[in-house]
C-alpha atoms as a PDB file:
ATOM      1  CA  MET A   1      12.169 -20.966  -6.914  1.00  0.00           C
ATOM      2  CA  ASN A   2      15.612 -19.974  -8.185  1.00  0.00           C
ATOM      3  CA  GLN A   3      18.068 -20.341  -5.289  1.00  0.00           C
ATOM      4  CA  ASP A   4      19.820 -17.043  -6.120  1.00  0.00           C
ATOM      5  CA  PHE A   5      17.692 -14.944  -3.807  1.00  0.00           C
ATOM      6  CA  ARG A   6      18.197 -12.719  -0.805  1.00  0.00           C
ATOM      7  CA  THR A   7      16.213 -12.067   2.365  1.00  0.00           C
ATOM      8  CA  VAL A   8      16.408  -8.635   4.002  1.00  0.00           C
ATOM      9  CA  ARG A   9      14.833  -8.072   7.431  1.00  0.00           C
ATOM     10  CA  VAL A  10      13.097  -4.765   8.162  1.00  0.00           C
ATOM     11  CA  PRO A  11      13.793  -4.359  11.917  1.00  0.00           C
ATOM     12  CA  LEU A  12      10.687  -3.060  13.696  1.00  0.00           C
ATOM     13  CA  ALA A  13      10.598  -5.104  16.919  1.00  0.00           C
ATOM     14  CA  ASP A  14       7.434  -7.222  17.013  1.00  0.00           C
ATOM     15  CA  ARG A  15       6.381  -5.846  13.614  1.00  0.00           C
ATOM     16  CA  SER A  16       9.600  -6.815  11.810  1.00  0.00           C
ATOM     17  CA  TYR A  17       9.181  -8.510   8.453  1.00  0.00           C
ATOM     18  CA  ASP A  18      11.143 -10.068   5.607  1.00  0.00           C
ATOM     19  CA  VAL A  19      11.680  -8.820   2.079  1.00  0.00           C
ATOM     20  CA  LEU A  20      12.475 -11.665  -0.334  1.00  0.00           C
ATOM     21  CA  ILE A  21      14.368 -10.678  -3.494  1.00  0.00           C
ATOM     22  CA  GLY A  22      14.972 -13.049  -6.412  1.00  0.00           C
ATOM     23  CA  HIS A  23      13.542 -14.820  -9.418  1.00  0.00           C
ATOM     24  CA  GLY A  24      10.301 -16.692  -8.754  1.00  0.00           C
ATOM     25  CA  VAL A  25       9.853 -15.515  -5.160  1.00  0.00           C
ATOM     26  CA  ARG A  26       6.179 -14.707  -5.807  1.00  0.00           C
ATOM     27  CA  ASN A  27       5.624 -18.434  -5.341  1.00  0.00           C
ATOM     28  CA  SER A  28       6.579 -17.993  -1.680  1.00  0.00           C
ATOM     29  CA  LEU A  29       3.479 -15.907  -0.931  1.00  0.00           C
ATOM     30  CA  THR A  30       1.873 -18.492   1.345  1.00  0.00           C
ATOM     31  CA  SER A  31       4.925 -18.419   3.637  1.00  0.00           C
ATOM     32  CA  LEU A  32       4.244 -14.749   4.431  1.00  0.00           C
ATOM     33  CA  LEU A  33       0.540 -15.077   5.214  1.00  0.00           C
ATOM     34  CA  PRO A  34      -0.595 -15.227   8.850  1.00  0.00           C
ATOM     35  CA  ALA A  35      -1.722 -18.643  10.046  1.00  0.00           C
ATOM     36  CA  THR A  36      -5.198 -17.273  10.786  1.00  0.00           C
ATOM     37  CA  VAL A  37      -5.933 -16.195   7.203  1.00  0.00           C
ATOM     38  CA  ARG A  38      -9.168 -17.476   5.705  1.00  0.00           C
ATOM     39  CA  ARG A  39      -9.631 -15.137   2.735  1.00  0.00           C
ATOM     40  CA  VAL A  40      -7.394 -12.888   0.653  1.00  0.00           C
ATOM     41  CA  ALA A  41      -8.249  -9.764  -1.325  1.00  0.00           C
ATOM     42  CA  ILE A  42      -5.733  -9.293  -4.155  1.00  0.00           C
ATOM     43  CA  VAL A  43      -5.431  -5.679  -5.328  1.00  0.00           C
ATOM     44  CA  THR A  44      -3.820  -5.326  -8.745  1.00  0.00           C
ATOM     45  CA  GLN A  45      -4.159  -3.625 -12.142  1.00  0.00           C
ATOM     46  CA  GLN A  46      -4.914  -4.745 -15.666  1.00  0.00           C
ATOM     47  CA  GLY A  47      -1.745  -5.523 -17.553  1.00  0.00           C
ATOM     48  CA  ILE A  48       0.148  -7.030 -14.608  1.00  0.00           C
ATOM     49  CA  PRO A  49       1.353 -10.217 -16.323  1.00  0.00           C
ATOM     50  CA  TYR A  50       1.580 -12.310 -13.164  1.00  0.00           C
ATOM     51  CA  ASN A  51      -0.870 -13.997 -10.843  1.00  0.00           C
ATOM     52  CA  VAL A  52      -0.337 -15.278  -7.325  1.00  0.00           C
ATOM     53  CA  ASP A  53      -2.010 -18.144  -5.485  1.00  0.00           C
ATOM     54  CA  PRO A  54      -2.554 -17.469  -1.759  1.00  0.00           C
ATOM     55  CA  GLY A  55      -3.775 -21.026  -1.192  1.00  0.00           C
ATOM     56  CA  VAL A  56      -7.089 -19.877   0.317  1.00  0.00           C
ATOM     57  CA  PRO A  57     -10.319 -18.471  -1.159  1.00  0.00           C
ATOM     58  CA  HIS A  58      -9.635 -15.081  -2.691  1.00  0.00           C
ATOM     59  CA  GLU A  59     -11.017 -12.340  -4.900  1.00  0.00           C
ATOM     60  CA  VAL A  60      -9.138 -10.055  -7.286  1.00  0.00           C
ATOM     61  CA  PHE A  61      -9.791  -6.302  -7.351  1.00  0.00           C
ATOM     62  CA  SER A  62      -8.379  -4.384 -10.302  1.00  0.00           C
ATOM     63  CA  ILE A  63      -7.855  -0.657  -9.793  1.00  0.00           C
ATOM     64  CA  GLY A  64      -7.493   1.904 -12.562  1.00  0.00           C
ATOM     65  CA  ILE A  65      -4.197   2.788 -14.214  1.00  0.00           C
ATOM     66  CA  GLY A  66      -2.918   6.326 -13.770  1.00  0.00           C
ATOM     67  CA  GLU A  67      -2.448   8.718 -10.861  1.00  0.00           C
ATOM     68  CA  GLU A  68      -6.037   9.963 -11.142  1.00  0.00           C
ATOM     69  CA  HIS A  69      -7.063   6.559  -9.743  1.00  0.00           C
ATOM     70  CA  LYS A  70      -4.768   6.899  -6.737  1.00  0.00           C
ATOM     71  CA  SER A  71      -7.632   8.500  -4.880  1.00  0.00           C
ATOM     72  CA  LEU A  72     -10.033   8.267  -1.973  1.00  0.00           C
ATOM     73  CA  ALA A  73     -12.697   7.163  -4.444  1.00  0.00           C
ATOM     74  CA  THR A  74     -10.600   4.087  -5.238  1.00  0.00           C
ATOM     75  CA  ILE A  75     -10.206   3.332  -1.523  1.00  0.00           C
ATOM     76  CA  GLU A  76     -13.981   3.508  -1.081  1.00  0.00           C
ATOM     77  CA  THR A  77     -14.529   1.148  -4.010  1.00  0.00           C
ATOM     78  CA  LEU A  78     -12.037  -1.341  -2.610  1.00  0.00           C
ATOM     79  CA  CYS A  79     -13.460  -1.235   0.897  1.00  0.00           C
ATOM     80  CA  ARG A  80     -16.986  -1.791  -0.376  1.00  0.00           C
ATOM     81  CA  GLY A  81     -15.625  -4.793  -2.258  1.00  0.00           C
ATOM     82  CA  PHE A  82     -13.991  -6.051   0.948  1.00  0.00           C
ATOM     83  CA  ALA A  83     -17.360  -5.720   2.691  1.00  0.00           C
ATOM     84  CA  ASN A  84     -19.136  -7.706  -0.007  1.00  0.00           C
ATOM     85  CA  MET A  85     -16.622 -10.564   0.218  1.00  0.00           C
ATOM     86  CA  GLY A  86     -16.812 -10.587   4.033  1.00  0.00           C
ATOM     87  CA  LEU A  87     -13.186  -9.708   4.684  1.00  0.00           C
ATOM     88  CA  THR A  88     -12.415  -9.768   8.445  1.00  0.00           C
ATOM     89  CA  ARG A  89      -9.481  -8.884  10.688  1.00  0.00           C
ATOM     90  CA  HIS A  90      -8.262 -12.465  10.278  1.00  0.00           C
ATOM     91  CA  ASP A  91      -7.865 -11.996   6.539  1.00  0.00           C
ATOM     92  CA  VAL A  92      -5.225 -10.370   4.333  1.00  0.00           C
ATOM     93  CA  VAL A  93      -4.881  -7.868   1.517  1.00  0.00           C
ATOM     94  CA  VAL A  94      -2.230  -8.621  -1.121  1.00  0.00           C
ATOM     95  CA  GLY A  95      -0.915  -5.776  -3.278  1.00  0.00           C
ATOM     96  CA  LEU A  96       0.271  -7.183  -6.625  1.00  0.00           C
ATOM     97  CA  GLY A  97       1.836  -4.518  -8.812  1.00  0.00           C
ATOM     98  CA  GLY A  98       3.964  -1.405  -8.813  1.00  0.00           C
ATOM     99  CA  GLY A  99       4.217   1.478  -6.412  1.00  0.00           C
ATOM    100  CA  MET A 100       0.752   2.820  -7.047  1.00  0.00           C
ATOM    101  CA  VAL A 101      -0.808  -0.577  -6.321  1.00  0.00           C
ATOM    102  CA  THR A 102       1.129  -1.143  -3.104  1.00  0.00           C
ATOM    103  CA  ASP A 103       0.402   2.418  -1.910  1.00  0.00           C
ATOM    104  CA  VAL A 104      -3.329   1.962  -2.511  1.00  0.00           C
ATOM    105  CA  ALA A 105      -3.523  -1.639  -1.272  1.00  0.00           C
ATOM    106  CA  GLY A 106      -1.592  -0.720   1.860  1.00  0.00           C
ATOM    107  CA  PHE A 107      -3.839   2.226   2.656  1.00  0.00           C
ATOM    108  CA  ALA A 108      -6.968   0.156   2.059  1.00  0.00           C
ATOM    109  CA  ALA A 109      -5.610  -2.510   4.420  1.00  0.00           C
ATOM    110  CA  ALA A 110      -4.721   0.135   7.019  1.00  0.00           C
ATOM    111  CA  THR A 111      -8.266   1.504   7.043  1.00  0.00           C
ATOM    112  CA  TRP A 112     -10.342  -1.665   6.661  1.00  0.00           C
ATOM    113  CA  HIS A 113     -11.590  -2.686  10.123  1.00  0.00           C
ATOM    114  CA  ARG A 114      -8.986  -0.177  11.421  1.00  0.00           C
ATOM    115  CA  GLY A 115      -6.180  -2.278  10.012  1.00  0.00           C
ATOM    116  CA  ILE A 116      -5.691  -5.793   8.644  1.00  0.00           C
ATOM    117  CA  PRO A 117      -2.479  -7.472   7.408  1.00  0.00           C
ATOM    118  CA  VAL A 118      -1.099  -6.682   3.963  1.00  0.00           C
ATOM    119  CA  VAL A 119       1.563  -8.445   1.894  1.00  0.00           C
ATOM    120  CA  HIS A 120       3.114  -6.770  -1.148  1.00  0.00           C
ATOM    121  CA  VAL A 121       4.223  -8.552  -4.320  1.00  0.00           C
ATOM    122  CA  SER A 122       6.184  -5.865  -6.128  1.00  0.00           C
ATOM    123  CA  THR A 123       6.384  -6.070  -9.921  1.00  0.00           C
ATOM    124  CA  THR A 124       8.390  -2.937 -10.793  1.00  0.00           C
ATOM    125  CA  LEU A 125      11.937  -1.823 -10.090  1.00  0.00           C
ATOM    126  CA  LEU A 126      10.650   1.361  -8.460  1.00  0.00           C
ATOM    127  CA  GLY A 127       8.417  -0.646  -6.148  1.00  0.00           C
ATOM    128  CA  MET A 128      11.180  -3.100  -5.239  1.00  0.00           C
ATOM    129  CA  VAL A 129      13.753  -0.491  -4.250  1.00  0.00           C
ATOM    130  CA  ASP A 130      11.371   1.956  -2.626  1.00  0.00           C
ATOM    131  CA  ALA A 131       7.570   2.027  -2.739  1.00  0.00           C
ATOM    132  CA  ALA A 132       6.759  -1.450  -1.391  1.00  0.00           C
ATOM    133  CA  ILE A 133       9.198  -1.179   1.526  1.00  0.00           C
ATOM    134  CA  GLY A 134       8.715   0.767   4.741  1.00  0.00           C
ATOM    135  CA  GLY A 135       4.977   0.998   5.330  1.00  0.00           C
ATOM    136  CA  LYS A 136       4.174   4.363   3.754  1.00  0.00           C
ATOM    137  CA  THR A 137       0.737   4.181   2.163  1.00  0.00           C
ATOM    138  CA  GLY A 138      -1.464   6.867   0.710  1.00  0.00           C
ATOM    139  CA  VAL A 139      -3.454   8.470  -2.052  1.00  0.00           C
ATOM    140  CA  ASN A 140      -3.448  11.843  -3.772  1.00  0.00           C
ATOM    141  CA  LEU A 141      -5.639  14.909  -3.561  1.00  0.00           C
ATOM    142  CA  PRO A 142      -5.868  17.578  -6.281  1.00  0.00           C
ATOM    143  CA  GLU A 143      -3.844  19.753  -3.891  1.00  0.00           C
ATOM    144  CA  GLY A 144      -0.920  17.371  -3.572  1.00  0.00           C
ATOM    145  CA  LYS A 145       0.591  13.912  -3.892  1.00  0.00           C
ATOM    146  CA  ASN A 146       0.175  11.332  -1.095  1.00  0.00           C
ATOM    147  CA  LEU A 147      -1.419  13.863   1.254  1.00  0.00           C
ATOM    148  CA  VAL A 148      -3.848  11.295   2.711  1.00  0.00           C
ATOM    149  CA  GLY A 149      -2.390   8.071   4.031  1.00  0.00           C
ATOM    150  CA  ALA A 150      -1.079   6.031   6.922  1.00  0.00           C
ATOM    151  CA  TYR A 151       2.027   4.249   8.128  1.00  0.00           C
ATOM    152  CA  TRP A 152       1.050   0.595   7.840  1.00  0.00           C
ATOM    153  CA  GLN A 153       3.827  -1.964   7.673  1.00  0.00           C
ATOM    154  CA  PRO A 154       3.309  -5.068   5.538  1.00  0.00           C
ATOM    155  CA  SER A 155       3.636  -8.578   6.911  1.00  0.00           C
ATOM    156  CA  GLY A 156       6.182  -9.237   4.162  1.00  0.00           C
ATOM    157  CA  VAL A 157       7.290  -8.167   0.691  1.00  0.00           C
ATOM    158  CA  LEU A 158       8.152 -10.253  -2.368  1.00  0.00           C
ATOM    159  CA  CYS A 159      10.370  -8.690  -5.041  1.00  0.00           C
ATOM    160  CA  ASP A 160      10.176 -11.108  -7.970  1.00  0.00           C
ATOM    161  CA  LEU A 161      12.827 -10.241 -10.533  1.00  0.00           C
ATOM    162  CA  ASP A 162      11.005 -12.280 -13.198  1.00  0.00           C
ATOM    163  CA  THR A 163       8.637  -9.336 -13.532  1.00  0.00           C
ATOM    164  CA  LEU A 164      11.410  -6.936 -14.561  1.00  0.00           C
ATOM    165  CA  ALA A 165      11.621  -8.636 -17.970  1.00  0.00           C
ATOM    166  CA  THR A 166       8.108  -7.365 -18.719  1.00  0.00           C
ATOM    167  CA  LEU A 167       8.823  -3.694 -17.944  1.00  0.00           C
ATOM    168  CA  SER A 168       9.141  -0.978 -20.552  1.00  0.00           C
ATOM    169  CA  PRO A 169      12.388   1.035 -20.744  1.00  0.00           C
ATOM    170  CA  ARG A 170      10.506   3.932 -19.163  1.00  0.00           C
ATOM    171  CA  GLU A 171       9.467   1.814 -16.162  1.00  0.00           C
ATOM    172  CA  MET A 172      13.056   0.697 -15.704  1.00  0.00           C
ATOM    173  CA  ARG A 173      14.208   4.325 -15.822  1.00  0.00           C
ATOM    174  CA  CYS A 174      11.733   5.126 -13.048  1.00  0.00           C
ATOM    175  CA  GLY A 175      13.425   2.596 -10.795  1.00  0.00           C
ATOM    176  CA  MET A 176      16.823   3.964 -11.767  1.00  0.00           C
ATOM    177  CA  GLY A 177      15.726   7.413 -10.555  1.00  0.00           C
ATOM    178  CA  GLU A 178      15.216   6.038  -7.049  1.00  0.00           C
ATOM    179  CA  MET A 179      18.462   4.051  -7.256  1.00  0.00           C
ATOM    180  CA  ALA A 180      20.347   7.244  -8.080  1.00  0.00           C
ATOM    181  CA  LYS A 181      18.972   8.715  -4.857  1.00  0.00           C
ATOM    182  CA  TYR A 182      20.552   5.885  -2.860  1.00  0.00           C
ATOM    183  CA  HIS A 183      23.875   6.651  -4.553  1.00  0.00           C
ATOM    184  CA  PHE A 184      23.905  10.082  -2.906  1.00  0.00           C
ATOM    185  CA  LEU A 185      22.762   8.731   0.456  1.00  0.00           C
ATOM    186  CA  THR A 186      25.560   6.140   0.626  1.00  0.00           C
ATOM    187  CA  GLY A 187      28.048   6.591  -2.218  1.00  0.00           C
ATOM    188  CA  ASP A 188      27.582   2.910  -3.114  1.00  0.00           C
ATOM    189  CA  ASP A 189      28.401   1.827  -6.670  1.00  0.00           C
ATOM    190  CA  LEU A 190      25.063   0.116  -7.186  1.00  0.00           C
ATOM    191  CA  LEU A 191      25.556  -0.215 -10.943  1.00  0.00           C
ATOM    192  CA  GLY A 192      28.625  -2.360 -10.302  1.00  0.00           C
ATOM    193  CA  MET A 193      26.461  -5.077  -8.723  1.00  0.00           C
ATOM    194  CA  GLY A 194      24.268  -7.767 -10.258  1.00  0.00           C
ATOM    195  CA  MET A 195      20.544  -7.018 -10.194  1.00  0.00           C
ATOM    196  CA  VAL A 196      19.726  -9.241  -7.204  1.00  0.00           C
ATOM    197  CA  ASP A 197      22.490  -7.669  -5.137  1.00  0.00           C
ATOM    198  CA  ARG A 198      21.667  -4.170  -6.402  1.00  0.00           C
ATOM    199  CA  ILE A 199      18.024  -4.375  -5.354  1.00  0.00           C
ATOM    200  CA  SER A 200      18.958  -6.090  -2.094  1.00  0.00           C
ATOM    201  CA  ARG A 201      21.377  -3.281  -1.238  1.00  0.00           C
ATOM    202  CA  CYS A 202      18.698  -0.645  -1.856  1.00  0.00           C
ATOM    203  CA  VAL A 203      16.291  -2.584   0.368  1.00  0.00           C
ATOM    204  CA  GLN A 204      18.978  -2.888   3.064  1.00  0.00           C
ATOM    205  CA  ILE A 205      19.564   0.866   3.020  1.00  0.00           C
ATOM    206  CA  LYS A 206      15.868   1.624   3.288  1.00  0.00           C
ATOM    207  CA  ALA A 207      15.260  -1.090   5.916  1.00  0.00           C
ATOM    208  CA  GLU A 208      18.004   0.304   8.140  1.00  0.00           C
ATOM    209  CA  ILE A 209      16.628   3.849   7.889  1.00  0.00           C
ATOM    210  CA  VAL A 210      13.008   2.767   8.428  1.00  0.00           C
ATOM    211  CA  GLY A 211      14.030   0.637  11.411  1.00  0.00           C
ATOM    212  CA  ALA A 212      15.625   3.684  13.030  1.00  0.00           C
ATOM    213  CA  ASP A 213      12.890   6.191  12.140  1.00  0.00           C
ATOM    214  CA  GLU A 214       9.638   4.558  11.096  1.00  0.00           C
ATOM    215  CA  ARG A 215       7.454   7.671  11.071  1.00  0.00           C
ATOM    216  CA  GLU A 216       9.850  10.153   9.518  1.00  0.00           C
ATOM    217  CA  GLY A 217      10.622  12.090  12.665  1.00  0.00           C
ATOM    218  CA  GLY A 218      14.190  12.583  11.541  1.00  0.00           C
ATOM    219  CA  ARG A 219      16.472  10.406   9.468  1.00  0.00           C
ATOM    220  CA  ARG A 220      13.790   8.774   7.314  1.00  0.00           C
ATOM    221  CA  ALA A 221      13.137  12.132   5.669  1.00  0.00           C
ATOM    222  CA  LEU A 222      16.497  11.660   3.921  1.00  0.00           C
ATOM    223  CA  LEU A 223      14.775   9.130   1.681  1.00  0.00           C
ATOM    224  CA  ASN A 224      12.963  12.120   0.174  1.00  0.00           C
ATOM    225  CA  TYR A 225      16.154  13.470  -1.428  1.00  0.00           C
ATOM    226  CA  GLY A 226      15.047  14.915  -4.759  1.00  0.00           C
ATOM    227  CA  HIS A 227      11.372  14.368  -4.002  1.00  0.00           C
ATOM    228  CA  THR A 228      10.219  17.881  -3.074  1.00  0.00           C
ATOM    229  CA  LEU A 229      10.544  19.214  -6.602  1.00  0.00           C
ATOM    230  CA  ALA A 230       9.709  15.771  -8.029  1.00  0.00           C
ATOM    231  CA  HIS A 231       6.223  15.759  -6.509  1.00  0.00           C
ATOM    232  CA  ALA A 232       5.650  19.337  -7.681  1.00  0.00           C
ATOM    233  CA  LEU A 233       6.694  18.402 -11.229  1.00  0.00           C
ATOM    234  CA  GLU A 234       4.340  15.427 -11.252  1.00  0.00           C
ATOM    235  CA  ILE A 235       1.384  17.602 -10.252  1.00  0.00           C
ATOM    236  CA  ALA A 236       2.292  20.589 -12.452  1.00  0.00           C
ATOM    237  CA  GLY A 237       2.590  18.308 -15.460  1.00  0.00           C
ATOM    238  CA  ASP A 238      -0.652  16.455 -14.699  1.00  0.00           C
ATOM    239  CA  PHE A 239       1.474  13.350 -14.099  1.00  0.00           C
ATOM    240  CA  SER A 240       2.925  13.349 -17.598  1.00  0.00           C
ATOM    241  CA  LEU A 241       6.238  12.759 -15.801  1.00  0.00           C
ATOM    242  CA  ALA A 242       6.540   9.398 -14.068  1.00  0.00           C
ATOM    243  CA  HIS A 243       7.733   9.416 -10.459  1.00  0.00           C
ATOM    244  CA  GLY A 244      11.259   8.145 -11.050  1.00  0.00           C
ATOM    245  CA  GLU A 245      11.752  10.541 -13.954  1.00  0.00           C
ATOM    246  CA  ALA A 246      10.706  13.419 -11.719  1.00  0.00           C
ATOM    247  CA  VAL A 247      13.002  12.246  -8.911  1.00  0.00           C
ATOM    248  CA  ALA A 248      15.986  12.299 -11.289  1.00  0.00           C
ATOM    249  CA  ILE A 249      15.259  15.949 -12.129  1.00  0.00           C
ATOM    250  CA  GLY A 250      14.587  16.672  -8.460  1.00  0.00           C
ATOM    251  CA  LEU A 251      18.040  15.378  -7.507  1.00  0.00           C
ATOM    252  CA  ILE A 252      19.651  17.862  -9.893  1.00  0.00           C
ATOM    253  CA  TYR A 253      17.483  20.668  -8.531  1.00  0.00           C
ATOM    254  CA  ALA A 254      18.454  19.789  -4.966  1.00  0.00           C
ATOM    255  CA  ALA A 255      22.097  20.143  -5.978  1.00  0.00           C
ATOM    256  CA  HIS A 256      21.475  23.569  -7.513  1.00  0.00           C
ATOM    257  CA  LEU A 257      19.553  24.693  -4.442  1.00  0.00           C
ATOM    258  CA  GLY A 258      22.346  23.455  -2.213  1.00  0.00           C
ATOM    259  CA  GLN A 259      24.766  25.537  -4.246  1.00  0.00           C
ATOM    260  CA  VAL A 260      22.560  28.655  -4.089  1.00  0.00           C
ATOM    261  CA  LEU A 261      22.491  28.287  -0.290  1.00  0.00           C
ATOM    262  CA  GLY A 262      26.267  27.882  -0.151  1.00  0.00           C
ATOM    263  CA  ARG A 263      26.131  24.285   1.055  1.00  0.00           C
ATOM    264  CA  ILE A 264      28.007  22.738  -1.902  1.00  0.00           C
ATOM    265  CA  GLY A 265      30.193  23.982  -4.737  1.00  0.00           C
ATOM    266  CA  ASP A 266      30.405  23.608  -8.507  1.00  0.00           C
ATOM    267  CA  GLU A 267      32.220  20.276  -8.355  1.00  0.00           C
ATOM    268  CA  ARG A 268      29.509  18.590  -6.265  1.00  0.00           C
ATOM    269  CA  VAL A 269      26.810  19.919  -8.606  1.00  0.00           C
ATOM    270  CA  ARG A 270      28.732  18.426 -11.547  1.00  0.00           C
ATOM    271  CA  GLN A 271      28.889  15.118  -9.681  1.00  0.00           C
ATOM    272  CA  HIS A 272      25.093  15.105  -9.512  1.00  0.00           C
ATOM    273  CA  TYR A 273      24.909  15.568 -13.281  1.00  0.00           C
ATOM    274  CA  ASP A 274      27.582  12.891 -13.795  1.00  0.00           C
ATOM    275  CA  VAL A 275      25.690  10.347 -11.682  1.00  0.00           C
ATOM    276  CA  VAL A 276      22.079  11.080 -12.694  1.00  0.00           C
ATOM    277  CA  GLY A 277      22.618  11.962 -16.348  1.00  0.00           C
ATOM    278  CA  GLY A 278      25.816   9.998 -16.922  1.00  0.00           C
ATOM    279  CA  LEU A 279      25.897   6.778 -14.918  1.00  0.00           C
ATOM    280  CA  TYR A 280      22.121   6.334 -14.741  1.00  0.00           C
ATOM    281  CA  GLU A 281      21.419   7.894 -18.184  1.00  0.00           C
ATOM    282  CA  LEU A 282      18.394   9.828 -16.931  1.00  0.00           C
ATOM    283  CA  ASN A 283      16.980  13.120 -18.155  1.00  0.00           C
ATOM    284  CA  THR A 284      18.204  16.056 -16.059  1.00  0.00           C
ATOM    285  CA  ALA A 285      16.465  18.961 -17.825  1.00  0.00           C
ATOM    286  CA  LEU A 286      13.924  21.067 -15.934  1.00  0.00           C
ATOM    287  CA  PRO A 287      10.569  21.071 -17.795  1.00  0.00           C
ATOM    288  CA  PRO A 288       9.297  24.542 -18.794  1.00  0.00           C
ATOM    289  CA  PHE A 289       6.704  24.795 -16.013  1.00  0.00           C
ATOM    290  CA  ASP A 290       5.909  28.082 -14.321  1.00  0.00           C
ATOM    291  CA  HIS A 291       8.400  28.590 -11.513  1.00  0.00           C
ATOM    292  CA  GLU A 292       5.927  30.293  -9.191  1.00  0.00           C
ATOM    293  CA  LEU A 293       3.573  27.327  -9.583  1.00  0.00           C
ATOM    294  CA  LEU A 294       6.381  24.909  -8.727  1.00  0.00           C
ATOM    295  CA  LEU A 295       7.277  27.004  -5.685  1.00  0.00           C
ATOM    296  CA  ALA A 296       3.676  26.937  -4.442  1.00  0.00           C
ATOM    297  CA  LEU A 297       3.450  23.175  -4.932  1.00  0.00           C
ATOM    298  CA  MET A 298       6.728  22.581  -3.112  1.00  0.00           C
ATOM    299  CA  GLY A 299       5.345  24.574  -0.186  1.00  0.00           C
ATOM    300  CA  ARG A 300       2.620  21.940   0.239  1.00  0.00           C
ATOM    301  CA  ASP A 301       5.122  19.123   0.652  1.00  0.00           C
ATOM    302  CA  LYS A 302       4.329  16.749   3.526  1.00  0.00           C
ATOM    303  CA  LYS A 303       7.680  17.162   5.242  1.00  0.00           C
ATOM    304  CA  ALA A 304       7.372  20.974   5.404  1.00  0.00           C
ATOM    305  CA  LEU A 305       8.364  21.967   8.947  1.00  0.00           C
ATOM    306  CA  ASP A 306       9.022  25.705   8.867  1.00  0.00           C
ATOM    307  CA  GLY A 307       8.242  27.266   5.499  1.00  0.00           C
ATOM    308  CA  LEU A 308       9.936  25.512   2.581  1.00  0.00           C
ATOM    309  CA  THR A 309      11.718  22.325   3.664  1.00  0.00           C
ATOM    310  CA  PHE A 310      14.151  20.352   1.519  1.00  0.00           C
ATOM    311  CA  VAL A 311      16.572  17.471   1.825  1.00  0.00           C
ATOM    312  CA  LEU A 312      19.896  18.935   0.703  1.00  0.00           C
ATOM    313  CA  ASP A 313      23.523  17.910   0.334  1.00  0.00           C
ATOM    314  CA  GLY A 314      26.270  19.641   2.318  1.00  0.00           C
ATOM    315  CA  ASP A 315      29.511  19.239   4.239  1.00  0.00           C
ATOM    316  CA  ASN A 316      27.797  16.828   6.640  1.00  0.00           C
ATOM    317  CA  GLY A 317      26.177  14.857   3.845  1.00  0.00           C
ATOM    318  CA  VAL A 318      22.491  14.837   2.949  1.00  0.00           C
ATOM    319  CA  GLU A 319      20.256  16.344   5.653  1.00  0.00           C
ATOM    320  CA  VAL A 320      16.878  18.031   6.176  1.00  0.00           C
ATOM    321  CA  VAL A 321      16.963  21.818   5.844  1.00  0.00           C
ATOM    322  CA  ALA A 322      13.937  23.799   7.011  1.00  0.00           C
ATOM    323  CA  GLY A 323      13.146  27.467   6.468  1.00  0.00           C
ATOM    324  CA  VAL A 324      14.595  27.697   2.962  1.00  0.00           C
ATOM    325  CA  PRO A 325      13.900  31.227   1.611  1.00  0.00           C
ATOM    326  CA  ALA A 326      11.485  31.335  -1.318  1.00  0.00           C
ATOM    327  CA  ASP A 327      13.822  33.562  -3.308  1.00  0.00           C
ATOM    328  CA  ALA A 328      16.598  30.956  -3.003  1.00  0.00           C
ATOM    329  CA  ALA A 329      14.245  28.197  -4.230  1.00  0.00           C
ATOM    330  CA  LEU A 330      13.253  30.375  -7.204  1.00  0.00           C
ATOM    331  CA  GLU A 331      16.867  31.252  -7.974  1.00  0.00           C
ATOM    332  CA  ALA A 332      17.772  27.557  -8.065  1.00  0.00           C
ATOM    333  CA  LEU A 333      14.957  26.965 -10.563  1.00  0.00           C
ATOM    334  CA  ARG A 334      16.252  29.802 -12.734  1.00  0.00           C
ATOM    335  CA  VAL A 335      19.842  28.535 -12.583  1.00  0.00           C
ATOM    336  CA  MET A 336      18.773  25.000 -13.443  1.00  0.00           C
ATOM    337  CA  ALA A 337      16.623  26.192 -16.357  1.00  0.00           C
ATOM    338  CA  ARG A 338      19.685  27.945 -17.826  1.00  0.00           C
ATOM    339  CA  ALA A 339      22.019  24.968 -17.321  1.00  0.00           C
END
């Protein structure tokens, strides 16, 4: 393994775990497996150009590509496969792939025998800086994204930077959308760092927040900056927009909504455009979806506390704002569409 790697600890008391970031770290998989493991179920997708060797008998389960396969039907198929291979509580699920794979593999592990260990081997930038870290697992329903799931922390995560060389420009942009979010949470100049340090810093930010608020009772909700509209856009467009692309647009919308509510001014809105569209070179245009539809979808968001709930910028930084009036949310959509 290349020696230029980093280890970030996710601090969760007796459930703390390491995230290894660097080239070739997938070869360290056996070091993250529990000593009791006898079998491993590897959940992946066709087209993932990497294999892993857990050093024990294992079977590979390939799930479908596309958000329509991020479903309860896929979980049932996986669990029936686990039953046929005789997977027990002493065994392990390994999620090898991007965010969809780790979400599905993690949820399957959380539900099989009421919970068995899972290790993630992330192969996308989006997964490395966000999806594979923090224990959020879940699948979609027609009514909304990630509405069915569980908090189930992995035993460890491997972020192998070798896999980034295989990603399309669009997949890299998806990861950049999540990185841009961290810019607004911290102000860090992530683009001024090398890739190992850049990903490590994102993992450190998320690990610190997850360690303080594992189940999103407060501060962890800040990680959803830009995500309320993003999830609505994904559903409204039948997932023609990838997650990171939608998050980039959602960050701009959050700025406009913050301005409509009097939380920020013109200059801070321009800063959002400068960072998302300028520094990160991401699309910031609102797609021509029906605004009432987007409003209804945003109302189904998981973090909704009292009516419409958003994570918004303001004088005190980014924070959760509940009870946002529907007319303000619609006005922000109209303003953004005209921008």
